[in-house]
């Protein structure tokens, strides 16, 4: 029996919302979901929305197209160990690109 459901939410404007689900008869819900939308033209600008994967850090980067993965300062793929903002950096391996569509300029 599946006990969770993953959803993707795209914020249309700044603000907060609470999602309440009316379950079918007999189904119990442990909690509801709160969503906060903050003002930012670049989504996940500091690459902090998902944790750096283990090992060499290969994996998807939330809100970005392309890229190879994420690294912490101790990760094997970073320039000089200096993280310019917060604690993670995006990794581009080989002939790779990293992009996202920007709106509202």
PDB file of N, CA and C in Angstrom:
ATOM      1  N   UNK A   1       0.840  -1.180   0.000  1.00  0.00           N
ATOM      2  CA  UNK A   1       0.000   0.000   0.000  1.00  0.00           C
ATOM      3  C   UNK A   1       0.885   1.243   0.000  1.00  0.00           C
ATOM      4  N   UNK A   2       0.642   2.136  -0.925  1.00  0.00           N
ATOM      5  CA  UNK A   2       1.428   3.362  -1.020  1.00  0.00           C
ATOM      6  C   UNK A   2       0.968   4.349   0.052  1.00  0.00           C
ATOM      7  N   UNK A   3       1.925   4.917   0.800  1.00  0.00           N
ATOM      8  CA  UNK A   3       1.579   5.830   1.895  1.00  0.00           C
ATOM      9  C   UNK A   3       2.024   7.263   1.650  1.00  0.00           C
ATOM     10  N   UNK A   4       2.530   7.557   0.448  1.00  0.00           N
ATOM     11  CA  UNK A   4       2.942   8.928   0.165  1.00  0.00           C
ATOM     12  C   UNK A   4       2.702   9.251  -1.301  1.00  0.00           C
ATOM     13  N   UNK A   5       2.658  10.535  -1.609  1.00  0.00           N
ATOM     14  CA  UNK A   5       2.479  11.003  -2.977  1.00  0.00           C
ATOM     15  C   UNK A   5       3.367  12.222  -3.176  1.00  0.00           C
ATOM     16  N   UNK A   6       4.218  12.189  -4.169  1.00  0.00           N
ATOM     17  CA  UNK A   6       5.088  13.311  -4.491  1.00  0.00           C
ATOM     18  C   UNK A   6       4.411  14.179  -5.537  1.00  0.00           C
ATOM     19  N   UNK A   7       4.436  15.479  -5.317  1.00  0.00           N
ATOM     20  CA  UNK A   7       3.858  16.421  -6.275  1.00  0.00           C
ATOM     21  C   UNK A   7       4.864  17.531  -6.543  1.00  0.00           C
ATOM     22  N   UNK A   8       4.747  18.156  -7.700  1.00  0.00           N
ATOM     23  CA  UNK A   8       5.588  19.311  -8.030  1.00  0.00           C
ATOM     24  C   UNK A   8       4.694  20.527  -8.063  1.00  0.00           C
ATOM     25  N   UNK A   9       5.124  21.585  -7.401  1.00  0.00           N
ATOM     26  CA  UNK A   9       4.348  22.809  -7.317  1.00  0.00           C
ATOM     27  C   UNK A   9       5.167  23.930  -7.921  1.00  0.00           C
ATOM     28  N   UNK A  10       4.572  24.694  -8.816  1.00  0.00           N
ATOM     29  CA  UNK A  10       5.220  25.856  -9.401  1.00  0.00           C
ATOM     30  C   UNK A  10       4.503  27.088  -8.889  1.00  0.00           C
ATOM     31  N   UNK A  11       5.229  27.936  -8.182  1.00  0.00           N
ATOM     32  CA  UNK A  11       4.639  29.150  -7.626  1.00  0.00           C
ATOM     33  C   UNK A  11       4.401  30.183  -8.704  1.00  0.00           C
ATOM     34  N   UNK A  12       3.193  30.725  -8.738  1.00  0.00           N
ATOM     35  CA  UNK A  12       2.861  31.752  -9.716  1.00  0.00           C
ATOM     36  C   UNK A  12       3.130  33.148  -9.216  1.00  0.00           C
ATOM     37  N   UNK A  13       3.127  33.328  -7.913  1.00  0.00           N
ATOM     38  CA  UNK A  13       3.422  34.634  -7.335  1.00  0.00           C
ATOM     39  C   UNK A  13       3.867  34.434  -5.893  1.00  0.00           C
ATOM     40  N   UNK A  14       4.393  35.486  -5.296  1.00  0.00           N
ATOM     41  CA  UNK A  14       4.907  35.420  -3.936  1.00  0.00           C
ATOM     42  C   UNK A  14       3.760  35.259  -2.946  1.00  0.00           C
ATOM     43  N   UNK A  15       3.959  34.463  -1.911  1.00  0.00           N
ATOM     44  CA  UNK A  15       2.937  34.287  -0.891  1.00  0.00           C
ATOM     45  C   UNK A  15       3.025  32.925  -0.238  1.00  0.00           C
ATOM     46  N   UNK A  16       2.002  32.577   0.511  1.00  0.00           N
ATOM     47  CA  UNK A  16       1.955  31.293   1.207  1.00  0.00           C
ATOM     48  C   UNK A  16       0.602  30.647   0.963  1.00  0.00           C
ATOM     49  N   UNK A  17       0.579  29.339   0.959  1.00  0.00           N
ATOM     50  CA  UNK A  17      -0.667  28.598   0.775  1.00  0.00           C
ATOM     51  C   UNK A  17      -0.589  27.307   1.579  1.00  0.00           C
ATOM     52  N   UNK A  18      -1.708  26.847   2.055  1.00  0.00           N
ATOM     53  CA  UNK A  18      -1.780  25.559   2.742  1.00  0.00           C
ATOM     54  C   UNK A  18      -2.668  24.663   1.907  1.00  0.00           C
ATOM     55  N   UNK A  19      -2.210  23.463   1.625  1.00  0.00           N
ATOM     56  CA  UNK A  19      -2.956  22.507   0.828  1.00  0.00           C
ATOM     57  C   UNK A  19      -3.654  21.541   1.766  1.00  0.00           C
ATOM     58  N   UNK A  20      -4.973  21.520   1.702  1.00  0.00           N
ATOM     59  CA  UNK A  20      -5.762  20.616   2.522  1.00  0.00           C
ATOM     60  C   UNK A  20      -6.387  19.569   1.605  1.00  0.00           C
ATOM     61  N   UNK A  21      -6.277  18.326   1.992  1.00  0.00           N
ATOM     62  CA  UNK A  21      -6.792  17.227   1.190  1.00  0.00           C
ATOM     63  C   UNK A  21      -7.951  16.580   1.939  1.00  0.00           C
ATOM     64  N   UNK A  22      -9.080  16.431   1.257  1.00  0.00           N
ATOM     65  CA  UNK A  22     -10.225  15.738   1.835  1.00  0.00           C
ATOM     66  C   UNK A  22     -10.112  14.269   1.455  1.00  0.00           C
ATOM     67  N   UNK A  23      -9.718  13.429   2.408  1.00  0.00           N
ATOM     68  CA  UNK A  23      -9.504  12.019   2.078  1.00  0.00           C
ATOM     69  C   UNK A  23     -10.821  11.263   1.912  1.00  0.00           C
ATOM     70  N   UNK A  24     -10.786  10.189   1.125  1.00  0.00           N
ATOM     71  CA  UNK A  24     -11.979   9.327   1.033  1.00  0.00           C
ATOM     72  C   UNK A  24     -12.274   8.717   2.401  1.00  0.00           C
ATOM     73  N   UNK A  25     -13.482   8.244   2.580  1.00  0.00           N
ATOM     74  CA  UNK A  25     -13.903   7.657   3.862  1.00  0.00           C
ATOM     75  C   UNK A  25     -12.941   6.559   4.285  1.00  0.00           C
ATOM     76  N   UNK A  26     -12.520   6.615   5.542  1.00  0.00           N
ATOM     77  CA  UNK A  26     -11.655   5.577   6.103  1.00  0.00           C
ATOM     78  C   UNK A  26     -10.167   5.822   5.924  1.00  0.00           C
ATOM     79  N   UNK A  27      -9.779   6.800   5.101  1.00  0.00           N
ATOM     80  CA  UNK A  27      -8.355   7.075   4.892  1.00  0.00           C
ATOM     81  C   UNK A  27      -7.895   8.130   5.886  1.00  0.00           C
ATOM     82  N   UNK A  28      -6.823   7.850   6.595  1.00  0.00           N
ATOM     83  CA  UNK A  28      -6.285   8.795   7.565  1.00  0.00           C
ATOM     84  C   UNK A  28      -5.077   9.507   6.973  1.00  0.00           C
ATOM     85  N   UNK A  29      -4.995  10.816   7.187  1.00  0.00           N
ATOM     86  CA  UNK A  29      -3.851  11.596   6.739  1.00  0.00           C
ATOM     87  C   UNK A  29      -3.047  12.041   7.949  1.00  0.00           C
ATOM     88  N   UNK A  30      -1.731  11.824   7.909  1.00  0.00           N
ATOM     89  CA  UNK A  30      -0.872  12.159   9.037  1.00  0.00           C
ATOM     90  C   UNK A  30      -0.603  13.658   9.123  1.00  0.00           C
ATOM     91  N   UNK A  31      -0.539  14.343   7.982  1.00  0.00           N
ATOM     92  CA  UNK A  31      -0.242  15.768   7.998  1.00  0.00           C
ATOM     93  C   UNK A  31      -0.694  16.409   6.697  1.00  0.00           C
ATOM     94  N   UNK A  32      -0.691  17.739   6.666  1.00  0.00           N
ATOM     95  CA  UNK A  32      -1.007  18.456   5.438  1.00  0.00           C
ATOM     96  C   UNK A  32       0.265  19.125   4.937  1.00  0.00           C
ATOM     97  N   UNK A  33       0.144  19.936   3.925  1.00  0.00           N
ATOM     98  CA  UNK A  33       1.325  20.523   3.300  1.00  0.00           C
ATOM     99  C   UNK A  33       1.208  22.033   3.270  1.00  0.00           C
ATOM    100  N   UNK A  34       2.267  22.713   3.640  1.00  0.00           N
ATOM    101  CA  UNK A  34       2.333  24.164   3.527  1.00  0.00           C
ATOM    102  C   UNK A  34       3.377  24.505   2.469  1.00  0.00           C
ATOM    103  N   UNK A  35       3.079  25.507   1.656  1.00  0.00           N
ATOM    104  CA  UNK A  35       3.986  25.921   0.589  1.00  0.00           C
ATOM    105  C   UNK A  35       4.254  27.408   0.737  1.00  0.00           C
ATOM    106  N   UNK A  36       5.519  27.792   0.724  1.00  0.00           N
ATOM    107  CA  UNK A  36       5.902  29.198   0.756  1.00  0.00           C
ATOM    108  C   UNK A  36       6.604  29.539  -0.553  1.00  0.00           C
ATOM    109  N   UNK A  37       6.128  30.556  -1.219  1.00  0.00           N
ATOM    110  CA  UNK A  37       6.743  31.008  -2.467  1.00  0.00           C
ATOM    111  C   UNK A  37       7.457  32.315  -2.162  1.00  0.00           C
ATOM    112  N   UNK A  38       8.759  32.318  -2.395  1.00  0.00           N
ATOM    113  CA  UNK A  38       9.543  33.527  -2.158  1.00  0.00           C
ATOM    114  C   UNK A  38       9.869  34.176  -3.488  1.00  0.00           C
ATOM    115  N   UNK A  39      10.172  35.436  -3.437  1.00  0.00           N
ATOM    116  CA  UNK A  39      10.452  36.178  -4.654  1.00  0.00           C
ATOM    117  C   UNK A  39      11.877  35.914  -5.125  1.00  0.00           C
ATOM    118  N   UNK A  40      12.005  35.289  -6.274  1.00  0.00           N
ATOM    119  CA  UNK A  40      13.316  35.033  -6.848  1.00  0.00           C
ATOM    120  C   UNK A  40      13.162  34.789  -8.339  1.00  0.00           C
ATOM    121  N   UNK A  41      13.912  35.506  -9.129  1.00  0.00           N
ATOM    122  CA  UNK A  41      13.851  35.310 -10.575  1.00  0.00           C
ATOM    123  C   UNK A  41      14.562  34.022 -10.950  1.00  0.00           C
ATOM    124  N   UNK A  42      15.688  33.743 -10.308  1.00  0.00           N
ATOM    125  CA  UNK A  42      16.436  32.512 -10.569  1.00  0.00           C
ATOM    126  C   UNK A  42      16.044  31.484  -9.511  1.00  0.00           C
ATOM    127  N   UNK A  43      15.486  30.378  -9.946  1.00  0.00           N
ATOM    128  CA  UNK A  43      15.082  29.323  -9.018  1.00  0.00           C
ATOM    129  C   UNK A  43      16.309  28.509  -8.600  1.00  0.00           C
ATOM    130  N   UNK A  44      16.379  28.175  -7.326  1.00  0.00           N
ATOM    131  CA  UNK A  44      17.482  27.384  -6.778  1.00  0.00           C
ATOM    132  C   UNK A  44      18.836  27.988  -7.162  1.00  0.00           C
ATOM    133  N   UNK A  45      18.963  29.285  -6.948  1.00  0.00           N
ATOM    134  CA  UNK A  45      20.162  30.016  -7.370  1.00  0.00           C
ATOM    135  C   UNK A  45      21.444  29.522  -6.722  1.00  0.00           C
ATOM    136  N   UNK A  46      21.378  29.031  -5.499  1.00  0.00           N
ATOM    137  CA  UNK A  46      22.577  28.563  -4.800  1.00  0.00           C
ATOM    138  C   UNK A  46      22.700  27.045  -4.796  1.00  0.00           C
ATOM    139  N   UNK A  47      21.882  26.368  -5.596  1.00  0.00           N
ATOM    140  CA  UNK A  47      21.932  24.907  -5.729  1.00  0.00           C
ATOM    141  C   UNK A  47      21.696  24.192  -4.396  1.00  0.00           C
ATOM    142  N   UNK A  48      20.827  24.750  -3.543  1.00  0.00           N
ATOM    143  CA  UNK A  48      20.600  24.185  -2.216  1.00  0.00           C
ATOM    144  C   UNK A  48      19.279  23.434  -2.093  1.00  0.00           C
ATOM    145  N   UNK A  49      18.453  23.400  -3.139  1.00  0.00           N
ATOM    146  CA  UNK A  49      17.132  22.786  -3.032  1.00  0.00           C
ATOM    147  C   UNK A  49      17.167  21.272  -2.903  1.00  0.00           C
ATOM    148  N   UNK A  50      18.255  20.651  -3.294  1.00  0.00           N
ATOM    149  CA  UNK A  50      18.409  19.221  -3.036  1.00  0.00           C
ATOM    150  C   UNK A  50      19.826  18.960  -2.542  1.00  0.00           C
ATOM    151  N   UNK A  51      19.971  17.909  -1.753  1.00  0.00           N
ATOM    152  CA  UNK A  51      21.269  17.568  -1.177  1.00  0.00           C
ATOM    153  C   UNK A  51      22.216  17.041  -2.251  1.00  0.00           C
ATOM    154  N   UNK A  52      23.485  17.311  -2.091  1.00  0.00           N
ATOM    155  CA  UNK A  52      24.495  16.743  -2.984  1.00  0.00           C
ATOM    156  C   UNK A  52      24.471  15.224  -2.833  1.00  0.00           C
ATOM    157  N   UNK A  53      24.347  14.490  -3.945  1.00  0.00           N
ATOM    158  CA  UNK A  53      24.350  13.028  -3.852  1.00  0.00           C
ATOM    159  C   UNK A  53      25.683  12.515  -3.304  1.00  0.00           C
ATOM    160  N   UNK A  54      25.673  11.323  -2.748  1.00  0.00           N
ATOM    161  CA  UNK A  54      26.905  10.729  -2.225  1.00  0.00           C
ATOM    162  C   UNK A  54      27.896  10.413  -3.332  1.00  0.00           C
ATOM    163  N   UNK A  55      29.038   9.936  -2.958  1.00  0.00           N
ATOM    164  CA  UNK A  55      30.086   9.602  -3.929  1.00  0.00           C
ATOM    165  C   UNK A  55      30.623  10.844  -4.602  1.00  0.00           C
ATOM    166  N   UNK A  56      30.669  10.840  -5.922  1.00  0.00           N
ATOM    167  CA  UNK A  56      31.201  11.980  -6.667  1.00  0.00           C
ATOM    168  C   UNK A  56      30.146  13.054  -6.918  1.00  0.00           C
ATOM    169  N   UNK A  57      28.910  12.822  -6.473  1.00  0.00           N
ATOM    170  CA  UNK A  57      27.873  13.854  -6.533  1.00  0.00           C
ATOM    171  C   UNK A  57      27.061  13.908  -7.809  1.00  0.00           C
ATOM    172  N   UNK A  58      27.046  12.842  -8.590  1.00  0.00           N
ATOM    173  CA  UNK A  58      26.300  12.855  -9.852  1.00  0.00           C
ATOM    174  C   UNK A  58      24.811  12.718  -9.567  1.00  0.00           C
ATOM    175  N   UNK A  59      24.029  13.629 -10.124  1.00  0.00           N
ATOM    176  CA  UNK A  59      22.582  13.591  -9.947  1.00  0.00           C
ATOM    177  C   UNK A  59      21.929  14.845 -10.482  1.00  0.00           C
ATOM    178  N   UNK A  60      20.605  14.869 -10.434  1.00  0.00           N
ATOM    179  CA  UNK A  60      19.870  16.023 -10.958  1.00  0.00           C
ATOM    180  C   UNK A  60      20.024  17.229 -10.037  1.00  0.00           C
ATOM    181  N   UNK A  61      19.811  18.411 -10.615  1.00  0.00           N
ATOM    182  CA  UNK A  61      19.863  19.668  -9.873  1.00  0.00           C
ATOM    183  C   UNK A  61      18.483  20.299  -9.992  1.00  0.00           C
ATOM    184  N   UNK A  62      17.773  20.429  -8.880  1.00  0.00           N
ATOM    185  CA  UNK A  62      16.401  20.933  -8.879  1.00  0.00           C
ATOM    186  C   UNK A  62      16.330  22.293  -9.566  1.00  0.00           C
ATOM    187  N   UNK A  63      15.353  22.463 -10.464  1.00  0.00           N
ATOM    188  CA  UNK A  63      15.035  23.697 -11.198  1.00  0.00           C
ATOM    189  C   UNK A  63      16.020  24.046 -12.306  1.00  0.00           C
ATOM    190  N   UNK A  64      17.022  23.227 -12.553  1.00  0.00           N
ATOM    191  CA  UNK A  64      17.999  23.497 -13.599  1.00  0.00           C
ATOM    192  C   UNK A  64      17.932  22.412 -14.675  1.00  0.00           C
ATOM    193  N   UNK A  65      18.249  22.777 -15.910  1.00  0.00           N
ATOM    194  CA  UNK A  65      18.371  21.838 -17.021  1.00  0.00           C
ATOM    195  C   UNK A  65      19.845  21.577 -17.262  1.00  0.00           C
ATOM    196  N   UNK A  66      20.207  20.318 -17.382  1.00  0.00           N
ATOM    197  CA  UNK A  66      21.613  19.977 -17.618  1.00  0.00           C
ATOM    198  C   UNK A  66      22.375  19.873 -16.321  1.00  0.00           C
ATOM    199  N   UNK A  67      23.674  20.034 -16.413  1.00  0.00           N
ATOM    200  CA  UNK A  67      24.516  19.855 -15.236  1.00  0.00           C
ATOM    201  C   UNK A  67      24.770  18.391 -14.977  1.00  0.00           C
ATOM    202  N   UNK A  68      25.808  18.101 -14.225  1.00  0.00           N
ATOM    203  CA  UNK A  68      26.168  16.722 -13.912  1.00  0.00           C
ATOM    204  C   UNK A  68      25.764  16.352 -12.498  1.00  0.00           C
ATOM    205  N   UNK A  69      25.811  17.314 -11.574  1.00  0.00           N
ATOM    206  CA  UNK A  69      25.471  17.021 -10.192  1.00  0.00           C
ATOM    207  C   UNK A  69      25.851  18.155  -9.268  1.00  0.00           C
ATOM    208  N   UNK A  70      25.994  17.828  -7.989  1.00  0.00           N
ATOM    209  CA  UNK A  70      26.299  18.798  -6.941  1.00  0.00           C
ATOM    210  C   UNK A  70      27.455  18.305  -6.091  1.00  0.00           C
ATOM    211  N   UNK A  71      28.248  19.237  -5.581  1.00  0.00           N
ATOM    212  CA  UNK A  71      29.330  18.903  -4.664  1.00  0.00           C
ATOM    213  C   UNK A  71      29.336  19.851  -3.474  1.00  0.00           C
ATOM    214  N   UNK A  72      29.716  19.313  -2.326  1.00  0.00           N
ATOM    215  CA  UNK A  72      30.041  20.115  -1.157  1.00  0.00           C
ATOM    216  C   UNK A  72      31.506  20.505  -1.266  1.00  0.00           C
ATOM    217  N   UNK A  73      32.018  21.297  -0.347  1.00  0.00           N
ATOM    218  CA  UNK A  73      33.420  21.717  -0.401  1.00  0.00           C
ATOM    219  C   UNK A  73      34.375  20.527  -0.393  1.00  0.00           C
ATOM    220  N   UNK A  74      33.986  19.426   0.235  1.00  0.00           N
ATOM    221  CA  UNK A  74      34.849  18.248   0.292  1.00  0.00           C
ATOM    222  C   UNK A  74      34.702  17.351  -0.939  1.00  0.00           C
ATOM    223  N   UNK A  75      33.806  17.709  -1.852  1.00  0.00           N
ATOM    224  CA  UNK A  75      33.568  16.888  -3.043  1.00  0.00           C
ATOM    225  C   UNK A  75      34.750  16.900  -3.993  1.00  0.00           C
ATOM    226  N   UNK A  76      34.825  15.908  -4.877  1.00  0.00           N
ATOM    227  CA  UNK A  76      35.981  15.784  -5.764  1.00  0.00           C
ATOM    228  C   UNK A  76      35.980  16.766  -6.932  1.00  0.00           C
ATOM    229  N   UNK A  77      34.815  17.345  -7.282  1.00  0.00           N
ATOM    230  CA  UNK A  77      34.751  18.208  -8.465  1.00  0.00           C
ATOM    231  C   UNK A  77      34.359  19.630  -8.089  1.00  0.00           C
ATOM    232  N   UNK A  78      35.307  20.425  -7.732  1.00  0.00           N
ATOM    233  CA  UNK A  78      35.101  21.848  -7.516  1.00  0.00           C
ATOM    234  C   UNK A  78      36.433  22.542  -7.790  1.00  0.00           C
ATOM    235  N   UNK A  79      36.366  23.817  -8.048  1.00  0.00           N
ATOM    236  CA  UNK A  79      37.545  24.564  -8.489  1.00  0.00           C
ATOM    237  C   UNK A  79      38.645  24.578  -7.432  1.00  0.00           C
ATOM    238  N   UNK A  80      38.424  25.301  -6.350  1.00  0.00           N
ATOM    239  CA  UNK A  80      39.475  25.464  -5.349  1.00  0.00           C
ATOM    240  C   UNK A  80      38.991  25.198  -3.924  1.00  0.00           C
ATOM    241  N   UNK A  81      37.822  24.597  -3.812  1.00  0.00           N
ATOM    242  CA  UNK A  81      37.281  24.312  -2.487  1.00  0.00           C
ATOM    243  C   UNK A  81      36.514  25.460  -1.877  1.00  0.00           C
ATOM    244  N   UNK A  82      36.533  26.632  -2.527  1.00  0.00           N
ATOM    245  CA  UNK A  82      35.797  27.784  -2.017  1.00  0.00           C
ATOM    246  C   UNK A  82      34.382  27.762  -2.587  1.00  0.00           C
ATOM    247  N   UNK A  83      33.380  27.704  -1.723  1.00  0.00           N
ATOM    248  CA  UNK A  83      31.991  27.738  -2.163  1.00  0.00           C
ATOM    249  C   UNK A  83      31.544  29.201  -2.115  1.00  0.00           C
ATOM    250  N   UNK A  84      31.159  29.797  -3.252  1.00  0.00           N
ATOM    251  CA  UNK A  84      30.858  31.229  -3.274  1.00  0.00           C
ATOM    252  C   UNK A  84      29.591  31.627  -2.527  1.00  0.00           C
ATOM    253  N   UNK A  85      28.614  30.726  -2.417  1.00  0.00           N
ATOM    254  CA  UNK A  85      27.359  31.072  -1.756  1.00  0.00           C
ATOM    255  C   UNK A  85      26.766  29.818  -1.131  1.00  0.00           C
ATOM    256  N   UNK A  86      26.529  29.844   0.154  1.00  0.00           N
ATOM    257  CA  UNK A  86      25.989  28.739   0.947  1.00  0.00           C
ATOM    258  C   UNK A  86      26.972  27.577   0.972  1.00  0.00           C
ATOM    259  N   UNK A  87      26.529  26.315   0.674  1.00  0.00           N
ATOM    260  CA  UNK A  87      27.436  25.188   0.920  1.00  0.00           C
ATOM    261  C   UNK A  87      27.599  24.207  -0.234  1.00  0.00           C
ATOM    262  N   UNK A  88      26.954  24.447  -1.365  1.00  0.00           N
ATOM    263  CA  UNK A  88      27.054  23.520  -2.492  1.00  0.00           C
ATOM    264  C   UNK A  88      27.388  24.255  -3.777  1.00  0.00           C
ATOM    265  N   UNK A  89      27.971  23.538  -4.724  1.00  0.00           N
ATOM    266  CA  UNK A  89      28.219  24.062  -6.067  1.00  0.00           C
ATOM    267  C   UNK A  89      27.681  23.061  -7.082  1.00  0.00           C
ATOM    268  N   UNK A  90      27.311  23.574  -8.249  1.00  0.00           N
ATOM    269  CA  UNK A  90      26.890  22.705  -9.347  1.00  0.00           C
ATOM    270  C   UNK A  90      28.134  22.177 -10.049  1.00  0.00           C
ATOM    271  N   UNK A  91      28.011  20.982 -10.600  1.00  0.00           N
ATOM    272  CA  UNK A  91      29.124  20.344 -11.295  1.00  0.00           C
ATOM    273  C   UNK A  91      28.768  20.184 -12.770  1.00  0.00           C
ATOM    274  N   UNK A  92      29.682  20.587 -13.633  1.00  0.00           N
ATOM    275  CA  UNK A  92      29.558  20.361 -15.069  1.00  0.00           C
ATOM    276  C   UNK A  92      30.726  19.490 -15.488  1.00  0.00           C
ATOM    277  N   UNK A  93      30.436  18.307 -15.961  1.00  0.00           N
ATOM    278  CA  UNK A  93      31.500  17.386 -16.359  1.00  0.00           C
ATOM    279  C   UNK A  93      31.470  17.224 -17.873  1.00  0.00           C
ATOM    280  N   UNK A  94      32.640  17.306 -18.492  1.00  0.00           N
ATOM    281  CA  UNK A  94      32.734  17.159 -19.940  1.00  0.00           C
ATOM    282  C   UNK A  94      32.104  18.338 -20.661  1.00  0.00           C
ATOM    283  N   UNK A  95      31.555  18.081 -21.837  1.00  0.00           N
ATOM    284  CA  UNK A  95      30.924  19.120 -22.647  1.00  0.00           C
ATOM    285  C   UNK A  95      29.463  19.228 -22.230  1.00  0.00           C
ATOM    286  N   UNK A  96      29.186  19.891 -21.104  1.00  0.00           N
ATOM    287  CA  UNK A  96      27.876  19.951 -20.511  1.00  0.00           C
ATOM    288  C   UNK A  96      27.454  21.393 -20.314  1.00  0.00           C
ATOM    289  N   UNK A  97      26.158  21.657 -20.180  1.00  0.00           N
ATOM    290  CA  UNK A  97      25.644  22.997 -19.935  1.00  0.00           C
ATOM    291  C   UNK A  97      24.700  22.945 -18.735  1.00  0.00           C
ATOM    292  N   UNK A  98      24.418  24.120 -18.190  1.00  0.00           N
ATOM    293  CA  UNK A  98      23.492  24.272 -17.082  1.00  0.00           C
ATOM    294  C   UNK A  98      22.647  25.496 -17.384  1.00  0.00           C
ATOM    295  N   UNK A  99      21.318  25.340 -17.400  1.00  0.00           N
ATOM    296  CA  UNK A  99      20.465  26.481 -17.776  1.00  0.00           C
ATOM    297  C   UNK A  99      19.088  26.367 -17.120  1.00  0.00           C
ATOM    298  N   UNK A 100      18.373  27.491 -17.151  1.00  0.00           N
ATOM    299  CA  UNK A 100      16.971  27.524 -16.774  1.00  0.00           C
ATOM    300  C   UNK A 100      16.337  28.724 -17.469  1.00  0.00           C
ATOM    301  N   UNK A 101      15.028  28.632 -17.716  1.00  0.00           N
ATOM    302  CA  UNK A 101      14.320  29.730 -18.342  1.00  0.00           C
ATOM    303  C   UNK A 101      13.963  30.749 -17.273  1.00  0.00           C
ATOM    304  N   UNK A 102      14.294  32.012 -17.517  1.00  0.00           N
ATOM    305  CA  UNK A 102      14.061  33.098 -16.574  1.00  0.00           C
ATOM    306  C   UNK A 102      12.849  33.900 -17.063  1.00  0.00           C
ATOM    307  N   UNK A 103      11.935  34.217 -16.146  1.00  0.00           N
ATOM    308  CA  UNK A 103      10.760  35.004 -16.486  1.00  0.00           C
ATOM    309  C   UNK A 103      10.651  36.202 -15.581  1.00  0.00           C
ATOM    310  N   UNK A 104       9.910  37.198 -15.995  1.00  0.00           N
ATOM    311  CA  UNK A 104       9.598  38.340 -15.142  1.00  0.00           C
ATOM    312  C   UNK A 104      10.648  39.428 -15.123  1.00  0.00           C
ATOM    313  N   UNK A 105      11.506  39.486 -16.124  1.00  0.00           N
ATOM    314  CA  UNK A 105      12.516  40.551 -16.157  1.00  0.00           C
ATOM    315  C   UNK A 105      11.913  41.831 -16.711  1.00  0.00           C
TER     316      UNK A 105
END
